[in-house]
């Protein structure tokens, strides 16, 4: 028996095939949240910030993505007012999914 053949008999065995994937899927579904709304004042403030955004701005953004609330800091790489989306570090975020944006002061 060669060394590789002997090693194969000691490889891990998954007696409950697919259990780990099912548990991860269940955990992900359990962590899901519903999209929540924002007040009119927050909408107006958000609209003002969105209108001032330009490529290269550093921002901190909170938004809804695939059943989860996400907070991210990054650089704006594109803003499209016609199609109502922006890209932060190449991640496309629709304006309607945004809860809040704050500009990060780059001056120290």
PDB file of N, CA and C in Angstrom:
ATOM      1  N   UNK A   1       0.853  -1.172   0.000  1.00  0.00           N
ATOM      2  CA  UNK A   1       0.000   0.000   0.000  1.00  0.00           C
ATOM      3  C   UNK A   1       0.904   1.243   0.000  1.00  0.00           C
ATOM      4  N   UNK A   2       0.618   2.166  -0.925  1.00  0.00           N
ATOM      5  CA  UNK A   2       1.434   3.372  -1.015  1.00  0.00           C
ATOM      6  C   UNK A   2       1.079   4.326   0.121  1.00  0.00           C
ATOM      7  N   UNK A   3       1.928   5.308   0.278  1.00  0.00           N
ATOM      8  CA  UNK A   3       1.718   6.286   1.345  1.00  0.00           C
ATOM      9  C   UNK A   3       0.416   7.071   1.141  1.00  0.00           C
ATOM     10  N   UNK A   4       0.085   7.470  -0.138  1.00  0.00           N
ATOM     11  CA  UNK A   4      -1.147   8.214  -0.422  1.00  0.00           C
ATOM     12  C   UNK A   4      -2.383   7.375  -0.118  1.00  0.00           C
ATOM     13  N   UNK A   5      -2.336   6.095  -0.443  1.00  0.00           N
ATOM     14  CA  UNK A   5      -3.481   5.225  -0.173  1.00  0.00           C
ATOM     15  C   UNK A   5      -3.707   5.059   1.326  1.00  0.00           C
ATOM     16  N   UNK A   6      -2.610   4.949   2.093  1.00  0.00           N
ATOM     17  CA  UNK A   6      -2.759   4.847   3.548  1.00  0.00           C
ATOM     18  C   UNK A   6      -3.318   6.137   4.130  1.00  0.00           C
ATOM     19  N   UNK A   7      -2.921   7.280   3.581  1.00  0.00           N
ATOM     20  CA  UNK A   7      -3.386   8.566   4.091  1.00  0.00           C
ATOM     21  C   UNK A   7      -4.876   8.742   3.847  1.00  0.00           C
ATOM     22  N   UNK A   8      -5.402   8.214   2.752  1.00  0.00           N
ATOM     23  CA  UNK A   8      -6.826   8.366   2.438  1.00  0.00           C
ATOM     24  C   UNK A   8      -7.721   7.736   3.493  1.00  0.00           C
ATOM     25  N   UNK A   9      -7.282   6.675   4.116  1.00  0.00           N
ATOM     26  CA  UNK A   9      -8.139   6.027   5.113  1.00  0.00           C
ATOM     27  C   UNK A   9      -8.300   6.857   6.381  1.00  0.00           C
ATOM     28  N   UNK A  10      -7.438   7.854   6.564  1.00  0.00           N
ATOM     29  CA  UNK A  10      -7.530   8.712   7.741  1.00  0.00           C
ATOM     30  C   UNK A  10      -8.150  10.073   7.438  1.00  0.00           C
ATOM     31  N   UNK A  11      -8.657  10.251   6.223  1.00  0.00           N
ATOM     32  CA  UNK A  11      -9.307  11.513   5.864  1.00  0.00           C
ATOM     33  C   UNK A  11     -10.588  11.676   6.675  1.00  0.00           C
ATOM     34  N   UNK A  12     -10.987  12.910   6.971  1.00  0.00           N
ATOM     35  CA  UNK A  12     -12.201  13.114   7.770  1.00  0.00           C
ATOM     36  C   UNK A  12     -13.430  12.547   7.070  1.00  0.00           C
ATOM     37  N   UNK A  13     -14.311  11.992   7.874  1.00  0.00           N
ATOM     38  CA  UNK A  13     -15.535  11.407   7.356  1.00  0.00           C
ATOM     39  C   UNK A  13     -16.714  12.190   7.909  1.00  0.00           C
ATOM     40  N   UNK A  14     -17.595  12.631   7.026  1.00  0.00           N
ATOM     41  CA  UNK A  14     -18.775  13.386   7.438  1.00  0.00           C
ATOM     42  C   UNK A  14     -19.967  12.435   7.446  1.00  0.00           C
ATOM     43  N   UNK A  15     -20.275  11.918   8.623  1.00  0.00           N
ATOM     44  CA  UNK A  15     -21.361  10.950   8.736  1.00  0.00           C
ATOM     45  C   UNK A  15     -22.716  11.574   8.427  1.00  0.00           C
ATOM     46  N   UNK A  16     -22.864  12.839   8.720  1.00  0.00           N
ATOM     47  CA  UNK A  16     -24.127  13.543   8.466  1.00  0.00           C
ATOM     48  C   UNK A  16     -23.899  14.520   7.321  1.00  0.00           C
ATOM     49  N   UNK A  17     -23.754  13.997   6.148  1.00  0.00           N
ATOM     50  CA  UNK A  17     -23.423  14.799   4.970  1.00  0.00           C
ATOM     51  C   UNK A  17     -24.439  15.930   4.781  1.00  0.00           C
ATOM     52  N   UNK A  18     -23.941  17.156   4.646  1.00  0.00           N
ATOM     53  CA  UNK A  18     -24.788  18.314   4.419  1.00  0.00           C
ATOM     54  C   UNK A  18     -25.276  18.999   5.683  1.00  0.00           C
ATOM     55  N   UNK A  19     -24.996  18.439   6.842  1.00  0.00           N
ATOM     56  CA  UNK A  19     -25.477  19.028   8.090  1.00  0.00           C
ATOM     57  C   UNK A  19     -24.877  20.420   8.315  1.00  0.00           C
ATOM     58  N   UNK A  20     -23.576  20.574   8.093  1.00  0.00           N
ATOM     59  CA  UNK A  20     -22.931  21.869   8.306  1.00  0.00           C
ATOM     60  C   UNK A  20     -23.524  22.941   7.401  1.00  0.00           C
ATOM     61  N   UNK A  21     -23.781  22.608   6.134  1.00  0.00           N
ATOM     62  CA  UNK A  21     -24.376  23.573   5.209  1.00  0.00           C
ATOM     63  C   UNK A  21     -25.786  23.944   5.649  1.00  0.00           C
ATOM     64  N   UNK A  22     -26.556  22.952   6.093  1.00  0.00           N
ATOM     65  CA  UNK A  22     -27.917  23.208   6.545  1.00  0.00           C
ATOM     66  C   UNK A  22     -27.923  24.096   7.789  1.00  0.00           C
ATOM     67  N   UNK A  23     -26.992  23.872   8.698  1.00  0.00           N
ATOM     68  CA  UNK A  23     -26.905  24.700   9.903  1.00  0.00           C
ATOM     69  C   UNK A  23     -26.520  26.140   9.559  1.00  0.00           C
ATOM     70  N   UNK A  24     -25.558  26.314   8.638  1.00  0.00           N
ATOM     71  CA  UNK A  24     -25.183  27.665   8.218  1.00  0.00           C
ATOM     72  C   UNK A  24     -26.352  28.374   7.551  1.00  0.00           C
ATOM     73  N   UNK A  25     -27.100  27.657   6.706  1.00  0.00           N
ATOM     74  CA  UNK A  25     -28.259  28.247   6.029  1.00  0.00           C
ATOM     75  C   UNK A  25     -29.323  28.644   7.054  1.00  0.00           C
ATOM     76  N   UNK A  26     -29.573  27.794   8.011  1.00  0.00           N
ATOM     77  CA  UNK A  26     -30.564  28.079   9.049  1.00  0.00           C
ATOM     78  C   UNK A  26     -30.143  29.298   9.885  1.00  0.00           C
ATOM     79  N   UNK A  27     -28.856  29.363  10.218  1.00  0.00           N
ATOM     80  CA  UNK A  27     -28.348  30.492  10.997  1.00  0.00           C
ATOM     81  C   UNK A  27     -28.483  31.797  10.218  1.00  0.00           C
ATOM     82  N   UNK A  28     -28.192  31.767   8.920  1.00  0.00           N
ATOM     83  CA  UNK A  28     -28.309  32.964   8.091  1.00  0.00           C
ATOM     84  C   UNK A  28     -29.761  33.412   8.004  1.00  0.00           C
ATOM     85  N   UNK A  29     -30.696  32.478   7.830  1.00  0.00           N
ATOM     86  CA  UNK A  29     -32.113  32.845   7.765  1.00  0.00           C
ATOM     87  C   UNK A  29     -32.604  33.393   9.093  1.00  0.00           C
ATOM     88  N   UNK A  30     -32.076  32.895  10.188  1.00  0.00           N
ATOM     89  CA  UNK A  30     -32.481  33.363  11.511  1.00  0.00           C
ATOM     90  C   UNK A  30     -32.007  34.800  11.758  1.00  0.00           C
ATOM     91  N   UNK A  31     -30.881  35.187  11.160  1.00  0.00           N
ATOM     92  CA  UNK A  31     -30.307  36.514  11.376  1.00  0.00           C
ATOM     93  C   UNK A  31     -30.935  37.581  10.478  1.00  0.00           C
ATOM     94  N   UNK A  32     -31.849  37.215   9.623  1.00  0.00           N
ATOM     95  CA  UNK A  32     -32.459  38.178   8.701  1.00  0.00           C
ATOM     96  C   UNK A  32     -33.315  39.196   9.449  1.00  0.00           C
ATOM     97  N   UNK A  33     -33.374  40.404   8.891  1.00  0.00           N
ATOM     98  CA  UNK A  33     -34.208  41.462   9.469  1.00  0.00           C
ATOM     99  C   UNK A  33     -35.067  42.071   8.367  1.00  0.00           C
ATOM    100  N   UNK A  34     -36.154  42.673   8.765  1.00  0.00           N
ATOM    101  CA  UNK A  34     -37.035  43.365   7.827  1.00  0.00           C
ATOM    102  C   UNK A  34     -36.496  44.776   7.591  1.00  0.00           C
ATOM    103  N   UNK A  35     -36.759  45.290   6.414  1.00  0.00           N
ATOM    104  CA  UNK A  35     -36.375  46.662   6.091  1.00  0.00           C
ATOM    105  C   UNK A  35     -37.223  47.609   6.938  1.00  0.00           C
ATOM    106  N   UNK A  36     -36.595  48.593   7.551  1.00  0.00           N
ATOM    107  CA  UNK A  36     -37.351  49.565   8.337  1.00  0.00           C
ATOM    108  C   UNK A  36     -37.294  50.924   7.655  1.00  0.00           C
ATOM    109  N   UNK A  37     -38.271  51.720   7.937  1.00  0.00           N
ATOM    110  CA  UNK A  37     -38.356  53.047   7.316  1.00  0.00           C
ATOM    111  C   UNK A  37     -37.609  54.085   8.125  1.00  0.00           C
ATOM    112  N   UNK A  38     -37.497  55.270   7.540  1.00  0.00           N
ATOM    113  CA  UNK A  38     -36.884  56.391   8.240  1.00  0.00           C
ATOM    114  C   UNK A  38     -37.870  57.563   8.209  1.00  0.00           C
ATOM    115  N   UNK A  39     -37.721  58.467   9.168  1.00  0.00           N
ATOM    116  CA  UNK A  39     -38.646  59.592   9.287  1.00  0.00           C
ATOM    117  C   UNK A  39     -38.439  60.589   8.148  1.00  0.00           C
ATOM    118  N   UNK A  40     -39.379  61.516   8.011  1.00  0.00           N
ATOM    119  CA  UNK A  40     -39.277  62.535   6.959  1.00  0.00           C
ATOM    120  C   UNK A  40     -38.062  63.427   7.166  1.00  0.00           C
ATOM    121  N   UNK A  41     -37.760  63.756   8.411  1.00  0.00           N
ATOM    122  CA  UNK A  41     -36.592  64.588   8.695  1.00  0.00           C
ATOM    123  C   UNK A  41     -35.318  63.860   8.289  1.00  0.00           C
ATOM    124  N   UNK A  42     -35.244  62.561   8.607  1.00  0.00           N
ATOM    125  CA  UNK A  42     -34.079  61.771   8.223  1.00  0.00           C
ATOM    126  C   UNK A  42     -33.989  61.656   6.702  1.00  0.00           C
ATOM    127  N   UNK A  43     -35.139  61.528   6.035  1.00  0.00           N
ATOM    128  CA  UNK A  43     -35.146  61.458   4.571  1.00  0.00           C
ATOM    129  C   UNK A  43     -34.613  62.753   3.966  1.00  0.00           C
ATOM    130  N   UNK A  44     -35.014  63.877   4.530  1.00  0.00           N
ATOM    131  CA  UNK A  44     -34.558  65.170   4.017  1.00  0.00           C
ATOM    132  C   UNK A  44     -33.059  65.349   4.231  1.00  0.00           C
ATOM    133  N   UNK A  45     -32.581  64.989   5.409  1.00  0.00           N
ATOM    134  CA  UNK A  45     -31.145  65.088   5.688  1.00  0.00           C
ATOM    135  C   UNK A  45     -30.354  64.156   4.770  1.00  0.00           C
ATOM    136  N   UNK A  46     -30.884  62.954   4.557  1.00  0.00           N
ATOM    137  CA  UNK A  46     -30.236  61.991   3.666  1.00  0.00           C
ATOM    138  C   UNK A  46     -30.198  62.515   2.237  1.00  0.00           C
ATOM    139  N   UNK A  47     -31.283  63.119   1.801  1.00  0.00           N
ATOM    140  CA  UNK A  47     -31.348  63.693   0.457  1.00  0.00           C
ATOM    141  C   UNK A  47     -30.307  64.798   0.280  1.00  0.00           C
ATOM    142  N   UNK A  48     -30.139  65.646   1.294  1.00  0.00           N
ATOM    143  CA  UNK A  48     -29.128  66.712   1.231  1.00  0.00           C
ATOM    144  C   UNK A  48     -27.717  66.138   1.090  1.00  0.00           C
ATOM    145  N   UNK A  49     -27.427  65.092   1.853  1.00  0.00           N
ATOM    146  CA  UNK A  49     -26.102  64.477   1.777  1.00  0.00           C
ATOM    147  C   UNK A  49     -25.902  63.814   0.416  1.00  0.00           C
ATOM    148  N   UNK A  50     -26.929  63.108  -0.065  1.00  0.00           N
ATOM    149  CA  UNK A  50     -26.816  62.443  -1.370  1.00  0.00           C
ATOM    150  C   UNK A  50     -26.571  63.448  -2.496  1.00  0.00           C
ATOM    151  N   UNK A  51     -27.199  64.621  -2.415  1.00  0.00           N
ATOM    152  CA  UNK A  51     -27.019  65.641  -3.445  1.00  0.00           C
ATOM    153  C   UNK A  51     -25.615  66.245  -3.433  1.00  0.00           C
ATOM    154  N   UNK A  52     -24.936  66.182  -2.293  1.00  0.00           N
ATOM    155  CA  UNK A  52     -23.583  66.742  -2.191  1.00  0.00           C
ATOM    156  C   UNK A  52     -22.497  65.719  -2.510  1.00  0.00           C
ATOM    157  N   UNK A  53     -22.856  64.442  -2.635  1.00  0.00           N
ATOM    158  CA  UNK A  53     -21.851  63.406  -2.863  1.00  0.00           C
ATOM    159  C   UNK A  53     -21.204  63.537  -4.232  1.00  0.00           C
ATOM    160  N   UNK A  54     -19.936  63.232  -4.268  1.00  0.00           N
ATOM    161  CA  UNK A  54     -19.230  63.185  -5.547  1.00  0.00           C
ATOM    162  C   UNK A  54     -18.171  62.081  -5.469  1.00  0.00           C
ATOM    163  N   UNK A  55     -17.687  61.702  -6.615  1.00  0.00           N
ATOM    164  CA  UNK A  55     -16.701  60.635  -6.708  1.00  0.00           C
ATOM    165  C   UNK A  55     -15.464  61.000  -5.891  1.00  0.00           C
ATOM    166  N   UNK A  56     -15.002  60.051  -5.097  1.00  0.00           N
ATOM    167  CA  UNK A  56     -13.814  60.265  -4.276  1.00  0.00           C
ATOM    168  C   UNK A  56     -14.102  60.643  -2.840  1.00  0.00           C
ATOM    169  N   UNK A  57     -15.367  60.978  -2.507  1.00  0.00           N
ATOM    170  CA  UNK A  57     -15.720  61.321  -1.127  1.00  0.00           C
ATOM    171  C   UNK A  57     -15.609  60.089  -0.233  1.00  0.00           C
ATOM    172  N   UNK A  58     -15.121  60.294   0.971  1.00  0.00           N
ATOM    173  CA  UNK A  58     -15.058  59.217   1.957  1.00  0.00           C
ATOM    174  C   UNK A  58     -16.285  59.328   2.845  1.00  0.00           C
ATOM    175  N   UNK A  59     -17.020  58.220   2.970  1.00  0.00           N
ATOM    176  CA  UNK A  59     -18.279  58.227   3.715  1.00  0.00           C
ATOM    177  C   UNK A  59     -18.398  57.005   4.619  1.00  0.00           C
ATOM    178  N   UNK A  60     -19.306  57.131   5.573  1.00  0.00           N
ATOM    179  CA  UNK A  60     -19.760  55.999   6.376  1.00  0.00           C
ATOM    180  C   UNK A  60     -21.248  55.882   6.066  1.00  0.00           C
ATOM    181  N   UNK A  61     -21.687  54.689   5.644  1.00  0.00           N
ATOM    182  CA  UNK A  61     -23.052  54.509   5.173  1.00  0.00           C
ATOM    183  C   UNK A  61     -23.688  53.321   5.879  1.00  0.00           C
ATOM    184  N   UNK A  62     -24.965  53.470   6.214  1.00  0.00           N
ATOM    185  CA  UNK A  62     -25.745  52.345   6.740  1.00  0.00           C
ATOM    186  C   UNK A  62     -26.890  52.113   5.762  1.00  0.00           C
ATOM    187  N   UNK A  63     -27.095  50.839   5.402  1.00  0.00           N
ATOM    188  CA  UNK A  63     -28.080  50.507   4.381  1.00  0.00           C
ATOM    189  C   UNK A  63     -28.588  49.082   4.557  1.00  0.00           C
ATOM    190  N   UNK A  64     -29.606  48.749   3.800  1.00  0.00           N
ATOM    191  CA  UNK A  64     -30.234  47.435   3.834  1.00  0.00           C
ATOM    192  C   UNK A  64     -29.742  46.635   2.627  1.00  0.00           C
ATOM    193  N   UNK A  65     -29.266  45.416   2.872  1.00  0.00           N
ATOM    194  CA  UNK A  65     -28.743  44.590   1.789  1.00  0.00           C
ATOM    195  C   UNK A  65     -29.031  43.118   2.074  1.00  0.00           C
ATOM    196  N   UNK A  66     -29.815  42.493   1.214  1.00  0.00           N
ATOM    197  CA  UNK A  66     -30.098  41.053   1.290  1.00  0.00           C
ATOM    198  C   UNK A  66     -30.547  40.607   2.685  1.00  0.00           C
ATOM    199  N   UNK A  67     -31.573  41.240   3.193  1.00  0.00           N
ATOM    200  CA  UNK A  67     -32.193  40.903   4.476  1.00  0.00           C
ATOM    201  C   UNK A  67     -31.325  41.218   5.690  1.00  0.00           C
ATOM    202  N   UNK A  68     -30.335  42.106   5.543  1.00  0.00           N
ATOM    203  CA  UNK A  68     -29.480  42.475   6.662  1.00  0.00           C
ATOM    204  C   UNK A  68     -29.221  43.982   6.642  1.00  0.00           C
ATOM    205  N   UNK A  69     -29.088  44.570   7.826  1.00  0.00           N
ATOM    206  CA  UNK A  69     -28.667  45.960   7.948  1.00  0.00           C
ATOM    207  C   UNK A  69     -27.143  45.970   7.949  1.00  0.00           C
ATOM    208  N   UNK A  70     -26.557  46.802   7.099  1.00  0.00           N
ATOM    209  CA  UNK A  70     -25.107  46.825   6.921  1.00  0.00           C
ATOM    210  C   UNK A  70     -24.585  48.226   7.187  1.00  0.00           C
ATOM    211  N   UNK A  71     -23.447  48.327   7.845  1.00  0.00           N
ATOM    212  CA  UNK A  71     -22.741  49.599   8.008  1.00  0.00           C
ATOM    213  C   UNK A  71     -21.370  49.427   7.397  1.00  0.00           C
ATOM    214  N   UNK A  72     -20.971  50.430   6.621  1.00  0.00           N
ATOM    215  CA  UNK A  72     -19.715  50.326   5.889  1.00  0.00           C
ATOM    216  C   UNK A  72     -19.083  51.702   5.761  1.00  0.00           C
ATOM    217  N   UNK A  73     -17.769  51.735   5.788  1.00  0.00           N
ATOM    218  CA  UNK A  73     -17.025  52.959   5.505  1.00  0.00           C
ATOM    219  C   UNK A  73     -16.237  52.719   4.235  1.00  0.00           C
ATOM    220  N   UNK A  74     -16.195  53.727   3.367  1.00  0.00           N
ATOM    221  CA  UNK A  74     -15.460  53.557   2.130  1.00  0.00           C
ATOM    222  C   UNK A  74     -15.444  54.821   1.301  1.00  0.00           C
ATOM    223  N   UNK A  75     -15.002  54.659   0.068  1.00  0.00           N
ATOM    224  CA  UNK A  75     -14.882  55.769  -0.864  1.00  0.00           C
ATOM    225  C   UNK A  75     -15.934  55.643  -1.951  1.00  0.00           C
ATOM    226  N   UNK A  76     -16.592  56.747  -2.258  1.00  0.00           N
ATOM    227  CA  UNK A  76     -17.594  56.756  -3.330  1.00  0.00           C
ATOM    228  C   UNK A  76     -16.855  56.654  -4.660  1.00  0.00           C
ATOM    229  N   UNK A  77     -17.204  55.613  -5.441  1.00  0.00           N
ATOM    230  CA  UNK A  77     -16.566  55.438  -6.748  1.00  0.00           C
ATOM    231  C   UNK A  77     -17.476  55.872  -7.887  1.00  0.00           C
ATOM    232  N   UNK A  78     -18.790  55.984  -7.625  1.00  0.00           N
ATOM    233  CA  UNK A  78     -19.726  56.462  -8.657  1.00  0.00           C
ATOM    234  C   UNK A  78     -21.026  56.879  -7.997  1.00  0.00           C
ATOM    235  N   UNK A  79     -21.672  57.897  -8.573  1.00  0.00           N
ATOM    236  CA  UNK A  79     -23.000  58.330  -8.143  1.00  0.00           C
ATOM    237  C   UNK A  79     -23.829  58.522  -9.404  1.00  0.00           C
ATOM    238  N   UNK A  80     -24.981  57.846  -9.479  1.00  0.00           N
ATOM    239  CA  UNK A  80     -25.857  57.966 -10.641  1.00  0.00           C
ATOM    240  C   UNK A  80     -27.223  58.423 -10.146  1.00  0.00           C
ATOM    241  N   UNK A  81     -27.517  59.703 -10.365  1.00  0.00           N
ATOM    242  CA  UNK A  81     -28.787  60.258  -9.892  1.00  0.00           C
ATOM    243  C   UNK A  81     -29.961  59.818 -10.762  1.00  0.00           C
ATOM    244  N   UNK A  82     -29.736  59.548 -12.034  1.00  0.00           N
ATOM    245  CA  UNK A  82     -30.816  59.121 -12.933  1.00  0.00           C
ATOM    246  C   UNK A  82     -31.350  57.751 -12.534  1.00  0.00           C
ATOM    247  N   UNK A  83     -30.441  56.817 -12.225  1.00  0.00           N
ATOM    248  CA  UNK A  83     -30.852  55.469 -11.839  1.00  0.00           C
ATOM    249  C   UNK A  83     -30.872  55.271 -10.328  1.00  0.00           C
ATOM    250  N   UNK A  84     -30.600  56.321  -9.560  1.00  0.00           N
ATOM    251  CA  UNK A  84     -30.719  56.355  -8.110  1.00  0.00           C
ATOM    252  C   UNK A  84     -29.884  55.289  -7.398  1.00  0.00           C
ATOM    253  N   UNK A  85     -28.586  55.286  -7.698  1.00  0.00           N
ATOM    254  CA  UNK A  85     -27.688  54.401  -6.971  1.00  0.00           C
ATOM    255  C   UNK A  85     -26.322  55.056  -6.840  1.00  0.00           C
ATOM    256  N   UNK A  86     -25.545  54.531  -5.889  1.00  0.00           N
ATOM    257  CA  UNK A  86     -24.165  54.946  -5.752  1.00  0.00           C
ATOM    258  C   UNK A  86     -23.314  53.713  -5.546  1.00  0.00           C
ATOM    259  N   UNK A  87     -22.040  53.836  -5.814  1.00  0.00           N
ATOM    260  CA  UNK A  87     -21.109  52.737  -5.584  1.00  0.00           C
ATOM    261  C   UNK A  87     -20.108  53.170  -4.531  1.00  0.00           C
ATOM    262  N   UNK A  88     -19.964  52.314  -3.527  1.00  0.00           N
ATOM    263  CA  UNK A  88     -18.978  52.542  -2.479  1.00  0.00           C
ATOM    264  C   UNK A  88     -17.998  51.383  -2.559  1.00  0.00           C
ATOM    265  N   UNK A  89     -16.769  51.677  -2.931  1.00  0.00           N
ATOM    266  CA  UNK A  89     -15.751  50.641  -3.131  1.00  0.00           C
ATOM    267  C   UNK A  89     -16.286  49.520  -4.031  1.00  0.00           C
ATOM    268  N   UNK A  90     -16.895  49.891  -5.140  1.00  0.00           N
ATOM    269  CA  UNK A  90     -17.425  48.980  -6.164  1.00  0.00           C
ATOM    270  C   UNK A  90     -18.661  48.195  -5.729  1.00  0.00           C
ATOM    271  N   UNK A  91     -19.231  48.481  -4.571  1.00  0.00           N
ATOM    272  CA  UNK A  91     -20.499  47.853  -4.163  1.00  0.00           C
ATOM    273  C   UNK A  91     -21.634  48.808  -4.502  1.00  0.00           C
ATOM    274  N   UNK A  92     -22.563  48.340  -5.314  1.00  0.00           N
ATOM    275  CA  UNK A  92     -23.688  49.168  -5.762  1.00  0.00           C
ATOM    276  C   UNK A  92     -24.763  49.203  -4.674  1.00  0.00           C
ATOM    277  N   UNK A  93     -25.174  50.423  -4.303  1.00  0.00           N
ATOM    278  CA  UNK A  93     -26.186  50.612  -3.266  1.00  0.00           C
ATOM    279  C   UNK A  93     -27.275  51.513  -3.824  1.00  0.00           C
ATOM    280  N   UNK A  94     -28.502  51.028  -3.808  1.00  0.00           N
ATOM    281  CA  UNK A  94     -29.648  51.788  -4.303  1.00  0.00           C
ATOM    282  C   UNK A  94     -30.035  52.830  -3.256  1.00  0.00           C
ATOM    283  N   UNK A  95     -30.389  54.037  -3.712  1.00  0.00           N
ATOM    284  CA  UNK A  95     -30.751  55.121  -2.785  1.00  0.00           C
ATOM    285  C   UNK A  95     -31.855  54.699  -1.812  1.00  0.00           C
ATOM    286  N   UNK A  96     -32.844  53.935  -2.275  1.00  0.00           N
ATOM    287  CA  UNK A  96     -33.970  53.539  -1.422  1.00  0.00           C
ATOM    288  C   UNK A  96     -33.549  52.619  -0.278  1.00  0.00           C
ATOM    289  N   UNK A  97     -32.386  51.964  -0.389  1.00  0.00           N
ATOM    290  CA  UNK A  97     -31.899  51.059   0.658  1.00  0.00           C
ATOM    291  C   UNK A  97     -31.075  51.771   1.722  1.00  0.00           C
ATOM    292  N   UNK A  98     -30.760  53.041   1.514  1.00  0.00           N
ATOM    293  CA  UNK A  98     -29.868  53.773   2.421  1.00  0.00           C
ATOM    294  C   UNK A  98     -30.650  54.295   3.620  1.00  0.00           C
ATOM    295  N   UNK A  99     -30.104  54.054   4.820  1.00  0.00           N
ATOM    296  CA  UNK A  99     -30.690  54.582   6.055  1.00  0.00           C
ATOM    297  C   UNK A  99     -29.998  55.872   6.481  1.00  0.00           C
ATOM    298  N   UNK A 100     -28.683  55.954   6.261  1.00  0.00           N
ATOM    299  CA  UNK A 100     -27.951  57.137   6.680  1.00  0.00           C
ATOM    300  C   UNK A 100     -26.564  57.196   6.077  1.00  0.00           C
ATOM    301  N   UNK A 101     -26.077  58.404   5.877  1.00  0.00           N
ATOM    302  CA  UNK A 101     -24.725  58.622   5.348  1.00  0.00           C
ATOM    303  C   UNK A 101     -24.099  59.762   6.139  1.00  0.00           C
ATOM    304  N   UNK A 102     -22.850  59.575   6.520  1.00  0.00           N
ATOM    305  CA  UNK A 102     -22.082  60.657   7.119  1.00  0.00           C
ATOM    306  C   UNK A 102     -20.773  60.782   6.360  1.00  0.00           C
ATOM    307  N   UNK A 103     -20.379  62.013   6.131  1.00  0.00           N
ATOM    308  CA  UNK A 103     -19.109  62.269   5.466  1.00  0.00           C
ATOM    309  C   UNK A 103     -17.993  62.081   6.478  1.00  0.00           C
ATOM    310  N   UNK A 104     -16.924  61.427   6.063  1.00  0.00           N
ATOM    311  CA  UNK A 104     -15.763  61.229   6.934  1.00  0.00           C
ATOM    312  C   UNK A 104     -14.776  62.352   6.636  1.00  0.00           C
ATOM    313  N   UNK A 105     -14.405  63.073   7.673  1.00  0.00           N
ATOM    314  CA  UNK A 105     -13.478  64.190   7.512  1.00  0.00           C
ATOM    315  C   UNK A 105     -12.087  63.625   7.245  1.00  0.00           C
ATOM    316  N   UNK A 106     -11.529  63.936   6.086  1.00  0.00           N
ATOM    317  CA  UNK A 106     -10.213  63.420   5.714  1.00  0.00           C
ATOM    318  C   UNK A 106      -9.087  64.312   6.221  1.00  0.00           C
ATOM    319  N   UNK A 107      -9.413  65.504   6.702  1.00  0.00           N
ATOM    320  CA  UNK A 107      -8.387  66.398   7.246  1.00  0.00           C
ATOM    321  C   UNK A 107      -8.082  66.013   8.676  1.00  0.00           C
ATOM    322  N   UNK A 108      -6.821  65.954   9.000  1.00  0.00           N
ATOM    323  CA  UNK A 108      -6.417  65.568  10.360  1.00  0.00           C
ATOM    324  C   UNK A 108      -5.939  66.785  11.116  1.00  0.00           C
TER     325      UNK A 108
END
